[in-house]
Protein backbone atom coordinates (compact mmCIF):
# COMPACT_ATOMS: atom_id res chain seq x y z
CA UNK A 1 -61.24 13.69 -6.41
CA UNK A 2 -62.58 10.12 -4.08
CA UNK A 3 -63.85 11.20 -0.78
CA UNK A 4 -64.08 8.39 1.76
CA UNK A 5 -66.79 9.24 4.01
CA UNK A 6 -67.65 7.04 6.94
CA UNK A 7 -69.09 8.73 10.05
CA UNK A 8 -72.87 6.94 10.14
CA UNK A 9 -74.19 10.18 12.11
CA UNK A 10 -73.03 12.61 9.15
CA UNK A 11 -74.52 10.24 6.84
CA UNK A 12 -78.07 9.48 8.69
CA UNK A 13 -78.75 12.94 9.60
CA UNK A 14 -80.22 15.38 7.12
CA UNK A 15 -79.10 19.16 7.16
CA UNK A 16 -76.92 21.22 4.98
CA UNK A 17 -73.61 19.30 5.06
CA UNK A 18 -74.92 16.79 2.59
CA UNK A 19 -75.42 19.84 0.46
CA UNK A 20 -72.06 21.57 0.64
CA UNK A 21 -70.26 17.77 -0.11
CA UNK A 22 -72.41 17.33 -3.23
CA UNK A 23 -71.70 21.09 -4.16
CA UNK A 24 -67.68 20.02 -4.47
CA UNK A 25 -68.50 17.70 -7.38
CA UNK A 26 -66.16 14.94 -5.93
CA UNK A 27 -66.80 11.41 -5.57
CA UNK A 28 -68.39 10.18 -2.09
CA UNK A 29 -67.22 6.64 -0.91
CA UNK A 30 -69.16 5.56 2.01
CA UNK A 31 -69.31 3.13 4.70
CA UNK A 32 -70.76 2.31 7.75
CA UNK A 33 -68.16 3.16 10.61
CA UNK A 34 -66.42 2.68 13.03
CA UNK A 35 -64.45 0.40 11.15
CA UNK A 36 -61.14 -1.97 12.93
CA UNK A 37 -57.83 -1.60 11.07
CA UNK A 38 -58.37 -4.04 8.62
CA UNK A 39 -61.81 -2.64 7.12
CA UNK A 40 -60.07 0.36 7.47
CA UNK A 41 -57.25 -0.87 5.23
CA UNK A 42 -59.58 -2.21 2.83
CA UNK A 43 -60.79 1.17 2.08
CA UNK A 44 -57.74 3.68 1.68
CA UNK A 45 -55.49 3.75 -0.93
CA UNK A 46 -57.23 5.28 -3.43
CA UNK A 47 -58.70 8.40 -1.60
CA UNK A 48 -57.57 11.83 -1.39
CA UNK A 49 -60.09 13.14 1.16
CA UNK A 50 -61.63 10.80 4.18
CA UNK A 51 -63.85 11.97 6.69
CA UNK A 52 -63.66 9.99 9.54
CA UNK A 53 -65.29 9.21 12.96
CA UNK A 54 -63.57 6.47 15.73
CA UNK A 55 -62.27 4.41 12.90
CA UNK A 56 -58.62 2.92 13.75
CA UNK A 57 -56.43 4.78 11.70
CA UNK A 58 -53.06 3.01 12.61
CA UNK A 59 -49.45 4.04 10.97
CA UNK A 60 -50.30 1.02 8.45
CA UNK A 61 -53.66 2.14 7.55
CA UNK A 62 -52.17 5.69 6.71
CA UNK A 63 -49.12 4.00 5.09
CA UNK A 64 -51.13 2.11 3.03
CA UNK A 65 -53.35 5.69 1.84
CA UNK A 66 -50.08 7.57 1.37
CA UNK A 67 -49.46 9.01 -1.14
CA UNK A 68 -52.62 9.56 -2.18
CA UNK A 69 -54.53 10.40 1.03
CA UNK A 70 -54.18 14.48 1.04
CA UNK A 71 -56.62 15.56 4.35
CA UNK A 72 -58.25 13.56 7.39
CA UNK A 73 -60.89 15.36 8.37
CA UNK A 74 -62.28 14.56 11.78
CA UNK A 75 -65.65 14.74 12.49
CA UNK A 76 -65.92 15.21 16.17
CA UNK A 77 -62.55 15.81 18.77
CA UNK A 78 -61.16 12.84 20.01
CA UNK A 79 -58.20 11.62 17.60
CA UNK A 80 -57.28 8.63 20.55
CA UNK A 81 -58.40 6.38 17.71
CA UNK A 82 -55.57 8.32 14.78
CA UNK A 83 -51.92 7.96 14.98
CA UNK A 84 -51.53 11.63 14.79
CA UNK A 85 -47.38 11.15 14.95
CA UNK A 86 -47.69 9.28 11.95
CA UNK A 87 -49.98 11.87 10.26
CA UNK A 88 -47.55 14.59 10.92
CA UNK A 89 -44.48 12.43 9.96
CA UNK A 90 -46.24 11.62 6.23
CA UNK A 91 -47.40 15.89 6.16
CA UNK A 92 -51.24 15.32 6.09
CA UNK A 93 -53.02 17.76 7.71
CA UNK A 94 -55.33 16.03 10.48
CA UNK A 95 -58.36 18.56 10.84
CA UNK A 96 -61.14 18.18 13.56
CA UNK A 97 -63.79 19.89 14.90
CA UNK A 98 -63.97 21.15 18.59
CA UNK A 99 -66.73 23.71 19.98
CA UNK A 100 -69.27 21.83 18.13
CA UNK A 101 -70.86 19.36 21.14
CA UNK A 102 -70.14 20.22 24.17
CA UNK A 103 -73.81 21.01 24.94
CA UNK A 104 -75.57 17.76 23.58
CA UNK A 105 -72.71 15.77 25.42
CA UNK A 106 -73.31 17.49 28.54
CA UNK A 107 -77.07 17.19 28.17
CA UNK A 108 -76.90 13.18 27.68
CA UNK A 109 -74.67 13.39 30.90
CA UNK A 110 -77.05 14.38 32.85
CA UNK A 111 -79.72 11.42 31.01
CA UNK A 112 -77.29 8.98 32.35
CA UNK A 113 -77.10 10.35 36.25
CA UNK A 114 -81.40 10.98 35.88
CA UNK A 115 -81.60 7.62 35.25
CA UNK A 116 -79.44 6.41 37.96
CA UNK A 117 -80.93 8.18 40.55
CA UNK A 118 -84.21 8.38 39.82
CA UNK A 119 -84.44 4.43 38.87
CA UNK A 120 -85.68 5.15 35.22
CA UNK A 121 -84.84 1.86 33.55
CA UNK A 122 -86.45 -0.15 36.20
CA UNK A 123 -89.61 1.74 36.26
CA UNK A 124 -89.91 1.95 32.70
CA UNK A 125 -89.35 -1.94 32.36
CA UNK A 126 -92.35 -2.20 34.57
CA UNK A 127 -95.00 -0.02 33.40
CA UNK A 128 -94.19 -1.87 29.87
CA UNK A 129 -94.67 -5.19 31.09
CA UNK A 130 -98.16 -4.16 32.43
CA UNK A 131 -96.62 -3.67 36.35
CA UNK A 132 -95.83 -0.85 38.53
CA UNK A 133 -93.48 -1.83 40.65
CA UNK A 134 -91.62 1.26 42.41
CA UNK A 135 -88.12 1.87 43.98
CA UNK A 136 -87.07 4.74 45.75
CA UNK A 137 -85.02 7.35 44.25
CA UNK A 138 -82.36 10.21 45.01
CA UNK A 139 -82.30 14.07 44.20
CA UNK A 140 -79.55 15.67 43.19
CA UNK A 141 -79.96 18.91 45.09
CA UNK A 142 -77.35 19.24 47.64
CA UNK A 143 -74.81 16.29 46.06
CA UNK A 144 -71.58 16.92 44.90
CA UNK A 145 -70.79 16.15 41.64
CA UNK A 146 -66.98 15.82 40.72
CA UNK A 147 -65.48 16.45 37.68
CA UNK A 148 -62.02 15.14 36.21
CA UNK A 149 -61.34 17.55 33.15
CA UNK A 150 -62.53 21.40 33.28
CA UNK A 151 -62.83 21.50 28.85
CA UNK A 152 -65.65 22.51 27.15
CA UNK A 153 -67.88 19.67 28.21
CA UNK A 154 -66.51 19.51 31.36
CA UNK A 155 -67.66 23.20 31.90
CA UNK A 156 -71.31 22.99 30.50
CA UNK A 157 -72.15 19.97 32.68
CA UNK A 158 -70.30 21.73 36.04
CA UNK A 159 -73.08 24.99 34.80
CA UNK A 160 -76.01 22.33 34.99
CA UNK A 161 -75.27 20.88 38.07
CA UNK A 162 -75.41 24.15 39.72
CA UNK A 163 -78.59 24.57 38.38
CA UNK A 164 -79.73 21.51 39.94
CA UNK A 165 -79.05 22.91 43.25
CA UNK A 166 -75.46 20.80 43.50
CA UNK A 167 -71.83 21.03 44.90
CA UNK A 168 -69.52 20.76 42.20
CA UNK A 169 -65.53 20.12 42.85
CA UNK A 170 -63.47 19.72 39.87
CA UNK A 171 -60.08 19.42 38.74
CA UNK A 172 -58.11 20.21 35.68
CA UNK A 173 -54.40 20.97 34.68
CA UNK A 174 -55.13 23.90 33.33
CA UNK A 175 -57.61 25.51 35.38
CA UNK A 176 -59.59 29.22 34.70
CA UNK A 177 -59.92 30.60 38.22
CA UNK A 178 -62.79 33.89 36.60
CA UNK A 179 -64.68 30.93 35.25
CA UNK A 180 -65.06 28.79 38.81
CA UNK A 181 -65.41 32.17 40.73
CA UNK A 182 -68.28 32.61 38.06
CA UNK A 183 -70.08 29.49 38.41
CA UNK A 184 -69.19 29.09 42.04
CA UNK A 185 -66.79 25.57 41.39
CA UNK A 186 -64.13 24.43 43.96
CA UNK A 187 -60.96 23.56 42.17
CA UNK A 188 -59.04 20.42 43.41
CA UNK A 189 -55.39 20.68 43.46
CA UNK A 190 -55.06 16.64 42.41
CA UNK A 191 -57.63 14.27 41.48
CA UNK A 192 -57.52 11.93 44.51
CA UNK A 193 -59.22 15.22 46.50
CA UNK A 194 -62.34 15.06 44.05
CA UNK A 195 -62.74 11.44 44.47
CA UNK A 196 -62.60 11.74 48.13
CA UNK A 197 -65.53 14.11 48.38
CA UNK A 198 -67.98 13.02 45.16
CA UNK A 199 -71.02 11.49 44.99
CA UNK A 200 -71.12 11.45 41.47
CA UNK A 201 -67.81 11.32 39.57
CA UNK A 202 -67.99 12.55 35.75
CA UNK A 203 -65.21 11.54 33.56
CA UNK A 204 -64.39 14.77 30.68
CA UNK A 205 -60.61 13.99 30.08
CA UNK A 206 -59.29 12.85 26.76
CA UNK A 207 -57.85 9.50 26.45
CA UNK A 208 -54.04 9.85 26.73
CA UNK A 209 -51.38 7.13 28.09
CA UNK A 210 -51.94 8.85 31.59
CA UNK A 211 -55.80 8.36 31.44
CA UNK A 212 -56.14 4.91 30.40
CA UNK A 213 -57.41 3.15 33.25
CA UNK A 214 -57.36 6.13 35.06
CA UNK A 215 -60.55 4.54 36.98
CA UNK A 216 -59.16 1.45 38.34
CA UNK A 217 -59.07 -0.63 41.88
CA UNK A 218 -56.59 2.42 43.41
CA UNK A 219 -58.56 4.99 42.43
CA UNK A 220 -61.68 3.29 43.40
CA UNK A 221 -60.59 2.92 46.88
CA UNK A 222 -60.49 6.32 47.46
CA UNK A 223 -63.60 6.86 46.71
CA UNK A 224 -67.25 7.32 48.50
CA UNK A 225 -69.18 4.18 48.62
CA UNK A 226 -72.26 3.88 46.76
CA UNK A 227 -70.69 6.45 44.20
CA UNK A 228 -72.24 6.76 40.72
CA UNK A 229 -69.74 7.16 37.89
CA UNK A 230 -70.71 9.19 34.38
CA UNK A 231 -68.54 8.28 31.06
CA UNK A 232 -69.37 10.74 28.35
CA UNK A 233 -65.77 10.61 27.63
CA UNK A 234 -63.98 7.05 26.80
CA UNK A 235 -64.15 3.64 27.72
CA UNK A 236 -60.66 2.96 28.39
CA UNK A 237 -60.35 5.87 30.99
CA UNK A 238 -62.07 2.98 32.70
CA UNK A 239 -60.57 -0.13 33.78
CA UNK A 240 -63.29 -2.34 33.20
CA UNK A 241 -62.92 -6.04 35.27
CA UNK A 242 -61.89 -3.13 38.23
CA UNK A 243 -65.27 -1.38 37.84
CA UNK A 244 -67.44 -4.32 37.41
CA UNK A 245 -65.96 -6.22 40.70
CA UNK A 246 -66.86 -3.17 42.39
CA UNK A 247 -69.97 -2.20 40.71
CA UNK A 248 -70.86 -5.78 42.18
CA UNK A 249 -69.88 -5.52 45.96
CA UNK A 250 -71.86 -2.17 45.93
CA UNK A 251 -68.69 0.10 46.62
CA UNK A 252 -69.88 1.74 43.17
CA UNK A 253 -73.43 2.18 43.13
CA UNK A 254 -73.82 2.32 39.88
CA UNK A 255 -71.97 3.75 36.26
CA UNK A 256 -73.65 5.60 33.92
CA UNK A 257 -71.75 5.41 30.34
CA UNK A 258 -72.24 6.42 26.84
CA UNK A 259 -68.85 5.23 25.65
CA UNK A 260 -66.93 1.41 26.35
CA UNK A 261 -64.03 -0.01 25.49
CA UNK A 262 -65.19 -2.33 22.68
CA UNK A 263 -67.53 -0.95 20.50
CA UNK A 264 -69.52 -2.33 18.89
CA UNK A 265 -69.46 -4.37 22.57
CA UNK A 266 -69.65 -7.74 22.17
CA UNK A 267 -72.35 -9.81 23.31
CA UNK A 268 -70.78 -11.00 26.95
CA UNK A 269 -69.44 -7.91 27.74
CA UNK A 270 -69.38 -7.87 31.70
CA UNK A 271 -71.08 -4.31 31.60
CA UNK A 272 -73.99 -5.28 30.14
CA UNK A 273 -76.27 -6.93 32.02
CA UNK A 274 -75.36 -5.59 35.60
CA UNK A 275 -78.71 -3.83 36.90
CA UNK A 276 -76.47 -0.76 38.11
CA UNK A 277 -75.41 -0.20 34.99
CA UNK A 278 -76.86 2.13 32.04
CA UNK A 279 -75.13 1.92 28.91
CA UNK A 280 -76.77 4.02 25.44
CA UNK A 281 -74.36 3.35 22.19
CA UNK A 282 -72.09 5.97 22.19
CA UNK A 283 -74.78 8.72 21.25
CA UNK A 284 -74.54 11.22 23.48
CA UNK A 285 -73.66 13.84 20.77
CA UNK A 286 -75.62 12.30 18.39
CA UNK A 287 -78.63 15.24 18.19
CA UNK A 288 -80.16 17.38 15.04
CA UNK A 289 -78.33 20.07 16.17
CA UNK A 290 -75.22 18.46 17.00
CA UNK A 291 -74.55 16.47 14.14
CA UNK A 292 -75.43 19.20 11.42
CA UNK A 293 -72.60 21.59 13.29
CA UNK A 294 -69.99 18.76 13.50
CA UNK A 295 -70.97 17.51 10.19
CA UNK A 296 -70.68 20.95 8.77
CA UNK A 297 -67.58 21.70 10.40
CA UNK A 298 -65.80 18.62 9.29
CA UNK A 299 -66.95 19.45 5.11
CA UNK A 300 -66.04 22.95 5.42
CA UNK A 301 -62.41 22.10 7.55
CA UNK A 302 -61.75 19.49 4.16
CA UNK A 303 -62.80 21.46 1.55
CA UNK A 304 -60.57 24.92 3.38
CA UNK A 305 -57.67 22.39 2.93
CA UNK A 306 -58.16 20.84 -0.22
CA UNK A 307 -57.98 24.36 -1.43
CA UNK A 308 -54.95 25.15 0.58
CA UNK A 309 -56.33 27.44 2.93
CA UNK A 310 -56.41 27.35 7.01
CA UNK A 311 -58.88 25.11 8.39
CA UNK A 312 -61.43 26.10 11.11
CA UNK A 313 -58.93 23.55 13.08
CA UNK A 314 -56.18 21.16 13.07
CA UNK A 315 -54.66 18.62 15.43
CA UNK A 316 -50.89 18.93 13.82
CA UNK A 317 -50.25 22.58 12.80
CA UNK A 318 -47.14 22.20 11.73
CA UNK A 319 -48.28 20.08 9.20
CA UNK A 320 -48.78 22.73 5.86
CA UNK A 321 -51.57 22.69 3.71
CA UNK A 322 -51.51 22.68 0.20
CA UNK A 323 -53.89 23.28 -3.20
CA UNK A 324 -54.74 20.21 -4.01
CA UNK A 325 -57.81 21.16 -6.25
């Protein structure tokens, strides 16, 4: 058995996931992702299993990978870079690892928020250069945090926001009333209601055709002047030119993001040089604790499916898993 492994955090972080994969005795072919379509095409065709990160796994890639590819195990939860329909059509089980990184990403979300509101980068740049320049920041206490998407990560963000003494207003298509009552969270009937009241807007929705470019000129116009926007979901949820214009005009006070519409970004990406933007390189889930959880779950999924046993989680459960080892 040949297994292609492309996720860098899996490879770079020590832990039980390495031992678990080694014990299979399978041949491991490693590459440094995320890979574009051309790079992915060059590696598939002779691999039986694939542990992927955010590689471009298109229909063209899957056509070349079959019939050799038996199982595709996603390290993480986002499958927007994978042609799920083609996986299903070709009978390839697509596995993923929900419930392993929500704590870490929620913490990172507050790192971005605090960096913006406390002018963190300005102050550290000043002291490191031998200066002592100071800007006045803002408290989080009493501010309104709007959340779009109240899944695992959105919920963890809401809980932490309440601990900061913030008002939380959330929009989600399926709302857990018991959770809302327990944590004192207000449910909005529509997204525009969240946009209108938020001092901070936190995005925690999947990337779908409906959510692509969700943050655009129209939705930005419905937000408070000076709103801060946080994005630990997907860069494509935000229309970059529209956001850049709003940041330059001051209508949006700041943008804290762990994701971009191009990853890695070109050197001239418009969000990289703005003084009211904080960008981190898609590391929101990259802690030792979270990586080991994700990687171990991805390997367990792969082993289970290869042995014809039900995996921990499957994106396309209509595709049966069959014993291959």
